[in-house]
């Protein structure tokens, strides 16, 4: 399966690998942002100087 995908990338079908990679990156970024917002909401000392 990997060798077939490598042949596809080398043949110019790079978007077949870029689309799932971009999707995974966006999901990871969304989870990171949600976790950071949750941490800030749950931290009572946030914003206190």
N, C-alpha and C. Protein backbone atom coordinates (compact mmCIF):
# COMPACT_ATOMS: atom_id res chain seq x y z
N UNK A 1 0.82 -1.17 0.00
CA UNK A 1 0.00 0.00 0.00
C UNK A 1 0.88 1.25 0.00
N UNK A 2 1.92 1.24 0.80
CA UNK A 2 2.81 2.39 0.84
C UNK A 2 3.57 2.58 -0.46
N UNK A 3 4.00 1.49 -1.07
CA UNK A 3 4.74 1.63 -2.33
C UNK A 3 3.83 2.15 -3.44
N UNK A 4 2.57 1.76 -3.42
CA UNK A 4 1.63 2.29 -4.41
C UNK A 4 1.42 3.78 -4.22
N UNK A 5 1.30 4.22 -2.98
CA UNK A 5 1.10 5.65 -2.74
C UNK A 5 2.36 6.44 -3.10
N UNK A 6 3.51 5.88 -2.87
CA UNK A 6 4.75 6.56 -3.24
C UNK A 6 4.84 6.71 -4.75
N UNK A 7 4.44 5.69 -5.48
CA UNK A 7 4.42 5.80 -6.95
C UNK A 7 3.44 6.88 -7.40
N UNK A 8 2.32 7.00 -6.74
CA UNK A 8 1.35 8.04 -7.08
C UNK A 8 1.89 9.43 -6.82
N UNK A 9 2.58 9.59 -5.71
CA UNK A 9 3.17 10.90 -5.39
C UNK A 9 4.24 11.25 -6.42
N UNK A 10 5.06 10.29 -6.75
CA UNK A 10 6.13 10.54 -7.73
C UNK A 10 5.55 10.79 -9.13
N UNK A 11 4.36 10.30 -9.40
CA UNK A 11 3.74 10.49 -10.70
C UNK A 11 3.03 11.83 -10.80
N UNK A 12 3.01 12.60 -9.70
CA UNK A 12 2.40 13.91 -9.75
C UNK A 12 1.09 14.02 -9.02
N UNK A 13 0.67 12.95 -8.35
CA UNK A 13 -0.59 12.98 -7.60
C UNK A 13 -0.31 13.31 -6.13
N UNK A 14 0.38 14.42 -5.89
CA UNK A 14 0.80 14.79 -4.54
C UNK A 14 -0.40 15.15 -3.65
N UNK A 15 -1.49 15.60 -4.25
CA UNK A 15 -2.63 16.02 -3.43
C UNK A 15 -3.29 14.83 -2.73
N UNK A 16 -3.05 13.62 -3.22
CA UNK A 16 -3.61 12.45 -2.55
C UNK A 16 -2.98 12.25 -1.17
N UNK A 17 -1.77 12.72 -0.99
CA UNK A 17 -1.13 12.66 0.33
C UNK A 17 -1.32 13.96 1.09
N UNK A 18 -1.41 15.08 0.38
CA UNK A 18 -1.52 16.37 1.05
C UNK A 18 -2.89 16.58 1.69
N UNK A 19 -3.94 16.10 1.08
CA UNK A 19 -5.28 16.30 1.62
C UNK A 19 -5.47 15.63 2.99
N UNK A 20 -5.13 14.35 3.16
CA UNK A 20 -5.26 13.75 4.50
C UNK A 20 -4.30 14.38 5.50
N UNK A 21 -3.11 14.76 5.06
CA UNK A 21 -2.16 15.42 5.95
C UNK A 21 -2.69 16.76 6.43
N UNK A 22 -3.29 17.51 5.54
CA UNK A 22 -3.87 18.80 5.91
C UNK A 22 -5.05 18.59 6.86
N UNK A 23 -5.85 17.58 6.60
CA UNK A 23 -6.97 17.28 7.49
C UNK A 23 -6.50 16.92 8.90
N UNK A 24 -5.47 16.09 9.00
CA UNK A 24 -4.93 15.73 10.31
C UNK A 24 -4.35 16.94 11.01
N UNK A 25 -3.69 17.81 10.28
CA UNK A 25 -3.12 19.01 10.87
C UNK A 25 -4.22 19.92 11.42
N UNK A 26 -5.31 20.07 10.68
CA UNK A 26 -6.41 20.92 11.13
C UNK A 26 -7.10 20.34 12.37
N UNK A 27 -7.26 19.03 12.42
CA UNK A 27 -7.86 18.39 13.60
C UNK A 27 -6.95 18.58 14.82
N UNK A 28 -5.65 18.40 14.64
CA UNK A 28 -4.72 18.59 15.74
C UNK A 28 -4.73 20.03 16.23
N UNK A 29 -4.80 20.98 15.33
CA UNK A 29 -4.85 22.39 15.70
C UNK A 29 -6.14 22.71 16.45
N UNK A 30 -7.26 22.15 16.01
CA UNK A 30 -8.53 22.38 16.67
C UNK A 30 -8.53 21.80 18.09
N UNK A 31 -7.97 20.62 18.25
CA UNK A 31 -7.89 20.00 19.58
C UNK A 31 -6.99 20.83 20.48
N UNK A 32 -5.89 21.32 19.95
CA UNK A 32 -4.98 22.17 20.72
C UNK A 32 -5.66 23.45 21.17
N UNK A 33 -6.37 24.11 20.28
CA UNK A 33 -7.07 25.35 20.62
C UNK A 33 -8.17 25.09 21.65
N UNK A 34 -8.91 24.01 21.50
CA UNK A 34 -9.96 23.67 22.46
C UNK A 34 -9.36 23.37 23.82
N UNK A 35 -8.27 22.64 23.86
CA UNK A 35 -7.61 22.32 25.13
C UNK A 35 -7.08 23.57 25.82
N UNK A 36 -6.52 24.48 25.05
CA UNK A 36 -6.01 25.72 25.62
C UNK A 36 -7.15 26.58 26.18
N UNK A 37 -8.26 26.66 25.46
CA UNK A 37 -9.41 27.42 25.94
C UNK A 37 -9.99 26.78 27.20
N UNK A 38 -10.03 25.46 27.24
CA UNK A 38 -10.53 24.76 28.42
C UNK A 38 -9.61 24.99 29.61
N UNK A 39 -8.31 24.97 29.38
CA UNK A 39 -7.36 25.21 30.46
C UNK A 39 -7.52 26.63 31.01
N UNK A 40 -7.66 27.60 30.11
CA UNK A 40 -7.84 28.98 30.57
C UNK A 40 -9.14 29.16 31.33
N UNK A 41 -10.20 28.50 30.89
CA UNK A 41 -11.49 28.63 31.56
C UNK A 41 -11.46 27.97 32.94
N UNK A 42 -10.70 26.92 33.11
CA UNK A 42 -10.68 26.18 34.36
C UNK A 42 -9.65 26.73 35.35
N UNK A 43 -8.75 27.59 34.91
CA UNK A 43 -7.68 28.11 35.78
C UNK A 43 -8.16 29.39 36.47
N UNK A 44 -8.40 29.35 37.78
CA UNK A 44 -8.92 30.54 38.46
C UNK A 44 -7.88 31.65 38.58
N UNK A 45 -6.60 31.33 38.52
CA UNK A 45 -5.58 32.36 38.67
C UNK A 45 -5.22 33.03 37.35
N UNK A 46 -5.84 32.63 36.28
CA UNK A 46 -5.56 33.23 34.96
C UNK A 46 -6.05 34.67 34.94
N UNK A 47 -5.19 35.58 34.56
CA UNK A 47 -5.55 36.98 34.45
C UNK A 47 -5.32 37.78 35.72
N UNK A 48 -4.90 37.14 36.79
CA UNK A 48 -4.63 37.85 38.04
C UNK A 48 -3.17 38.27 38.04
N UNK A 49 -2.92 39.55 38.27
CA UNK A 49 -1.54 40.06 38.26
C UNK A 49 -0.86 39.89 39.59
